[in-house]
Amino acid sequence: MAISFGEFIQLLLSSPAIAVTVALTLGVVLVNGWTDAPNAIATCVSTRSMTPRNAILMAAVFNFLGIFVMTAVNAKVAQTMAKMVDFGGNTEDAVVALCAALFAIVVWATGAWYYGIPTSESHALIAGVSGAAIALQGGIDGINGAEWIKVLYGLGLSTVMGLSLGFLVVKLVGVLFKNIERQSTTTFFRNSQIAGAAAMAFMHGPRTARSSSGFFCWALPCRKEMTRPISLSLSG
């Protein structure tokens, strides 16, 4: 289901519950920006391949581009997030659960940022909504285990694949460049770090943004008529 941006604004102005939900969603996006997005630019800043200012601007641009491009290609992340819990069409419970989860994320992520603890707002959102669902229903009846297990798959695979590929790439680089003067590779590696940071920012954008939008659309009053996550059109 798609609604125009104008219709979204009308919905926002006519429903205080949706206005609060939007405000909390924006709060989560904000804290995600200062806790999650720096992961993409940490290496190129620490090695002075880019200045912090330019790296931040690059991350912002590529996160934004990633949202539009990858969402157009595949919106399954939002669909998976929207199916994590089920309130049987009770949108009031859904809004309460979502707002509780979003508020918890803002508090937790702010504290983690203050102490320099890396966090994942996507996983915090899943846990927060699931916890709220258990509290509201007095049990785990509203938790969709088939969708929840995908989160565990993602955690396990990302850890194993990240460790394995990181090890292999370092070994490969060592073999390819062992007989090359270090000074002659400086430009190549500087540009490679910038390209890698841009790619990471590009892929980070759609995953985090679609996670938040998936739950937000799930809590909208019009969800009963929806067969897929809602989307906004800038026309009208």
Protein backbone atom coordinates (compact mmCIF):
# COMPACT_ATOMS: atom_id res chain seq x y z
CA MET A 1 0.00 0.00 0.00
CA ALA A 2 1.29 3.47 -0.86
CA ILE A 3 0.18 6.87 0.36
CA SER A 4 1.30 10.28 -0.83
CA PHE A 5 3.43 12.53 1.31
CA GLY A 6 0.45 14.88 1.65
CA GLU A 7 -1.74 12.06 2.95
CA PHE A 8 0.98 11.12 5.41
CA ILE A 9 1.09 14.70 6.75
CA GLN A 10 -2.71 14.68 7.14
CA LEU A 11 -2.51 11.40 9.03
CA LEU A 12 0.24 12.84 11.20
CA LEU A 13 -1.79 15.95 12.08
CA SER A 14 -5.01 14.05 12.74
CA SER A 15 -3.57 11.38 15.04
CA PRO A 16 -1.56 12.32 18.18
CA ALA A 17 -0.54 8.65 18.56
CA ILE A 18 1.02 8.63 15.09
CA ALA A 19 2.69 12.00 15.77
CA VAL A 20 4.32 10.59 18.92
CA THR A 21 5.36 7.46 17.03
CA VAL A 22 6.94 9.54 14.26
CA ALA A 23 8.79 11.69 16.80
CA LEU A 24 10.19 8.62 18.55
CA THR A 25 11.12 7.05 15.19
CA LEU A 26 13.05 10.18 14.28
CA GLY A 27 14.72 10.01 17.69
CA VAL A 28 15.85 6.45 16.97
CA VAL A 29 17.14 7.48 13.54
CA LEU A 30 19.08 10.31 15.18
CA VAL A 31 20.76 8.16 17.84
CA ASN A 32 21.42 5.50 15.22
CA GLY A 33 23.31 8.10 13.23
CA TRP A 34 25.73 8.86 16.04
CA THR A 35 26.17 5.24 17.22
CA ASP A 36 25.95 3.11 14.07
CA ALA A 37 26.98 5.24 11.09
CA PRO A 38 30.51 5.98 12.46
CA ASN A 39 31.29 2.28 11.94
CA ALA A 40 31.48 2.95 8.21
CA ILE A 41 33.97 5.80 8.44
CA ALA A 42 36.11 4.75 11.40
CA THR A 43 38.88 3.20 9.32
CA CYS A 44 39.25 5.92 6.70
CA VAL A 45 39.28 8.62 9.41
CA SER A 46 41.75 6.81 11.69
CA THR A 47 44.16 6.29 8.78
CA ARG A 48 43.65 9.90 7.64
CA SER A 49 42.42 8.85 4.25
CA MET A 50 39.63 11.40 4.76
CA THR A 51 39.03 14.26 7.14
CA PRO A 52 36.27 13.65 9.71
CA ARG A 53 34.07 16.31 8.09
CA ASN A 54 34.33 14.84 4.60
CA ALA A 55 33.86 11.31 5.91
CA ILE A 56 30.67 12.31 7.72
CA LEU A 57 29.29 14.01 4.62
CA MET A 58 30.13 10.95 2.53
CA ALA A 59 28.45 8.61 5.03
CA ALA A 60 25.32 10.77 5.09
CA VAL A 61 25.06 10.85 1.30
CA PHE A 62 25.64 7.11 0.80
CA ASN A 63 23.33 6.10 3.65
CA PHE A 64 20.61 8.19 2.02
CA LEU A 65 21.30 6.77 -1.46
CA GLY A 66 21.29 3.24 -0.08
CA ILE A 67 17.79 3.69 1.37
CA PHE A 68 16.32 4.65 -2.00
CA VAL A 69 18.24 2.27 -4.24
CA MET A 70 18.09 -0.90 -2.15
CA THR A 71 14.48 -0.36 -1.08
CA ALA A 72 13.49 -0.17 -4.73
CA VAL A 73 15.34 -3.43 -5.37
CA ASN A 74 14.12 -5.39 -2.35
CA ALA A 75 12.00 -4.41 0.68
CA LYS A 76 12.10 -7.80 2.42
CA VAL A 77 13.89 -6.43 5.49
CA ALA A 78 10.90 -4.22 6.27
CA GLN A 79 8.52 -7.11 5.66
CA THR A 80 10.45 -9.39 8.01
CA MET A 81 10.53 -6.74 10.73
CA ALA A 82 6.80 -6.12 10.39
CA LYS A 83 6.08 -9.82 11.00
CA MET A 84 8.19 -10.24 14.14
CA VAL A 85 5.21 -9.87 16.47
CA ASP A 86 1.46 -10.11 15.95
CA PHE A 87 -1.29 -8.39 17.90
CA GLY A 88 -4.10 -9.86 15.81
CA GLY A 89 -4.97 -6.54 14.21
CA ASN A 90 -5.09 -4.61 17.52
CA THR A 91 -3.43 -1.38 16.41
CA GLU A 92 -3.67 0.22 19.86
CA ASP A 93 -1.48 -2.49 21.36
CA ALA A 94 0.81 -2.26 18.35
CA VAL A 95 1.33 1.48 18.80
CA VAL A 96 1.95 1.07 22.55
CA ALA A 97 4.51 -1.67 21.93
CA LEU A 98 6.28 0.29 19.21
CA CYS A 99 6.47 3.51 21.25
CA ALA A 100 7.78 1.60 24.27
CA ALA A 101 10.47 -0.03 22.13
CA LEU A 102 11.48 3.23 20.45
CA PHE A 103 11.72 5.05 23.77
CA ALA A 104 13.84 2.24 25.21
CA ILE A 105 16.17 2.43 22.21
CA VAL A 106 16.68 6.19 22.59
CA VAL A 107 17.56 5.78 26.28
CA TRP A 108 19.81 2.74 25.74
CA ALA A 109 21.59 4.11 22.67
CA THR A 110 22.25 7.46 24.33
CA GLY A 111 23.78 5.73 27.33
CA ALA A 112 25.83 3.42 25.11
CA TRP A 113 27.06 6.39 23.07
CA TYR A 114 28.12 8.21 26.25
CA TYR A 115 30.25 5.25 27.36
CA GLY A 116 31.54 4.46 23.87
CA ILE A 117 29.72 1.12 23.55
CA PRO A 118 28.98 -0.04 19.96
CA THR A 119 25.29 -0.85 19.50
CA SER A 120 22.81 -2.05 16.90
CA GLU A 121 19.54 -0.12 16.94
CA SER A 122 17.93 -2.67 14.59
CA HIS A 123 18.45 -5.50 17.06
CA ALA A 124 17.46 -3.25 19.95
CA LEU A 125 14.22 -2.45 18.11
CA ILE A 126 13.43 -6.12 17.61
CA ALA A 127 14.14 -6.91 21.26
CA GLY A 128 12.18 -3.89 22.48
CA VAL A 129 9.06 -4.66 20.47
CA SER A 130 9.24 -8.34 21.41
CA GLY A 131 9.57 -7.46 25.09
CA ALA A 132 6.63 -5.06 24.85
CA ALA A 133 4.56 -7.74 23.10
CA ILE A 134 5.30 -10.29 25.82
CA ALA A 135 4.36 -7.74 28.52
CA LEU A 136 1.10 -6.77 26.81
CA GLN A 137 0.02 -10.34 26.08
CA GLY A 138 1.33 -11.96 29.23
CA GLY A 139 3.34 -14.51 27.26
CA ILE A 140 5.07 -15.26 23.98
CA ASP A 141 1.93 -15.98 21.96
CA GLY A 142 2.44 -12.84 19.89
CA ILE A 143 6.05 -13.63 18.97
CA ASN A 144 6.56 -15.03 15.47
CA GLY A 145 9.36 -17.52 15.95
CA ALA A 146 9.75 -18.18 12.22
CA GLU A 147 10.66 -14.53 11.64
CA TRP A 148 12.62 -14.12 14.88
CA ILE A 149 14.93 -16.98 13.96
CA LYS A 150 16.09 -14.98 10.94
CA VAL A 151 17.65 -12.49 13.35
CA LEU A 152 19.68 -15.26 14.97
CA TYR A 153 20.71 -16.53 11.54
CA GLY A 154 21.88 -13.03 10.68
CA LEU A 155 23.87 -12.66 13.90
CA GLY A 156 25.55 -16.02 13.49
CA LEU A 157 26.32 -15.71 9.79
CA SER A 158 27.58 -12.13 10.02
CA THR A 159 30.00 -13.11 12.79
CA VAL A 160 31.35 -16.17 11.00
CA MET A 161 31.48 -14.62 7.54
CA GLY A 162 32.96 -11.35 8.79
CA LEU A 163 35.74 -13.16 10.67
CA SER A 164 36.45 -15.57 7.81
CA LEU A 165 36.42 -13.03 4.99
CA GLY A 166 38.46 -10.55 7.03
CA PHE A 167 41.11 -13.21 7.63
CA LEU A 168 41.17 -14.26 3.96
CA VAL A 169 41.32 -10.73 2.58
CA VAL A 170 44.25 -9.78 4.85
CA LYS A 171 46.13 -12.90 3.76
CA LEU A 172 45.37 -12.20 0.11
CA VAL A 173 46.54 -8.59 0.36
CA GLY A 174 49.74 -9.77 2.03
CA VAL A 175 50.45 -12.18 -0.81
CA LEU A 176 49.63 -9.72 -3.61
CA PHE A 177 51.62 -6.80 -2.23
CA LYS A 178 54.53 -8.47 -0.41
CA ASN A 179 57.07 -7.48 -3.09
CA ILE A 180 55.74 -3.97 -3.76
CA GLU A 181 57.19 -0.84 -2.17
CA ARG A 182 54.92 0.58 0.50
CA GLN A 183 55.12 4.14 -0.84
CA SER A 184 53.76 3.09 -4.23
CA THR A 185 50.63 1.54 -2.70
CA THR A 186 49.61 4.51 -0.54
CA THR A 187 47.22 6.03 -3.06
CA PHE A 188 45.65 2.68 -3.91
CA PHE A 189 44.94 1.77 -0.30
CA ARG A 190 43.72 5.27 0.56
CA ASN A 191 41.20 5.16 -2.28
CA SER A 192 40.26 1.58 -1.40
CA GLN A 193 39.46 2.59 2.18
CA ILE A 194 37.29 5.45 0.96
CA ALA A 195 35.46 3.15 -1.46
CA GLY A 196 34.97 0.55 1.27
CA ALA A 197 33.60 3.15 3.68
CA ALA A 198 31.19 4.43 1.03
CA ALA A 199 29.99 0.90 0.27
CA MET A 200 29.46 0.14 3.96
CA ALA A 201 27.48 3.35 4.43
CA PHE A 202 25.44 2.56 1.32
CA MET A 203 24.46 -0.88 2.66
CA HIS A 204 23.91 0.35 6.21
CA GLY A 205 21.25 2.86 5.17
CA PRO A 206 18.61 0.51 3.76
CA ARG A 207 18.91 -2.07 6.52
CA THR A 208 18.50 0.35 9.41
CA ALA A 209 15.94 2.60 7.74
CA ARG A 210 13.80 -0.31 6.57
CA SER A 211 13.94 -1.82 10.05
CA SER A 212 12.42 1.30 11.57
CA SER A 213 9.93 1.84 8.76
CA GLY A 214 8.84 -1.80 8.86
CA PHE A 215 7.70 -1.56 12.46
CA PHE A 216 6.32 1.95 11.98
CA CYS A 217 4.09 0.84 9.10
CA TRP A 218 3.03 -2.21 11.12
CA ALA A 219 1.66 0.08 13.84
CA LEU A 220 -0.30 2.42 11.56
CA PRO A 221 -4.09 2.40 11.98
CA CYS A 222 -4.51 1.42 8.32
CA ARG A 223 -2.53 -1.79 8.84
CA LYS A 224 -5.66 -3.97 8.69
CA GLU A 225 -6.02 -3.13 5.01
CA MET A 226 -2.36 -3.58 4.20
CA THR A 227 -1.02 -6.59 2.36
CA ARG A 228 2.54 -5.26 2.37
CA PRO A 229 4.48 -2.52 4.18
CA ILE A 230 3.27 0.98 3.43
CA SER A 231 5.42 3.34 1.39
CA LEU A 232 5.39 7.07 0.87
CA SER A 233 5.14 8.76 -2.47
CA LEU A 234 6.51 12.29 -2.76
CA SER A 235 3.87 13.16 -5.34
CA GLY A 236 0.68 14.88 -4.14
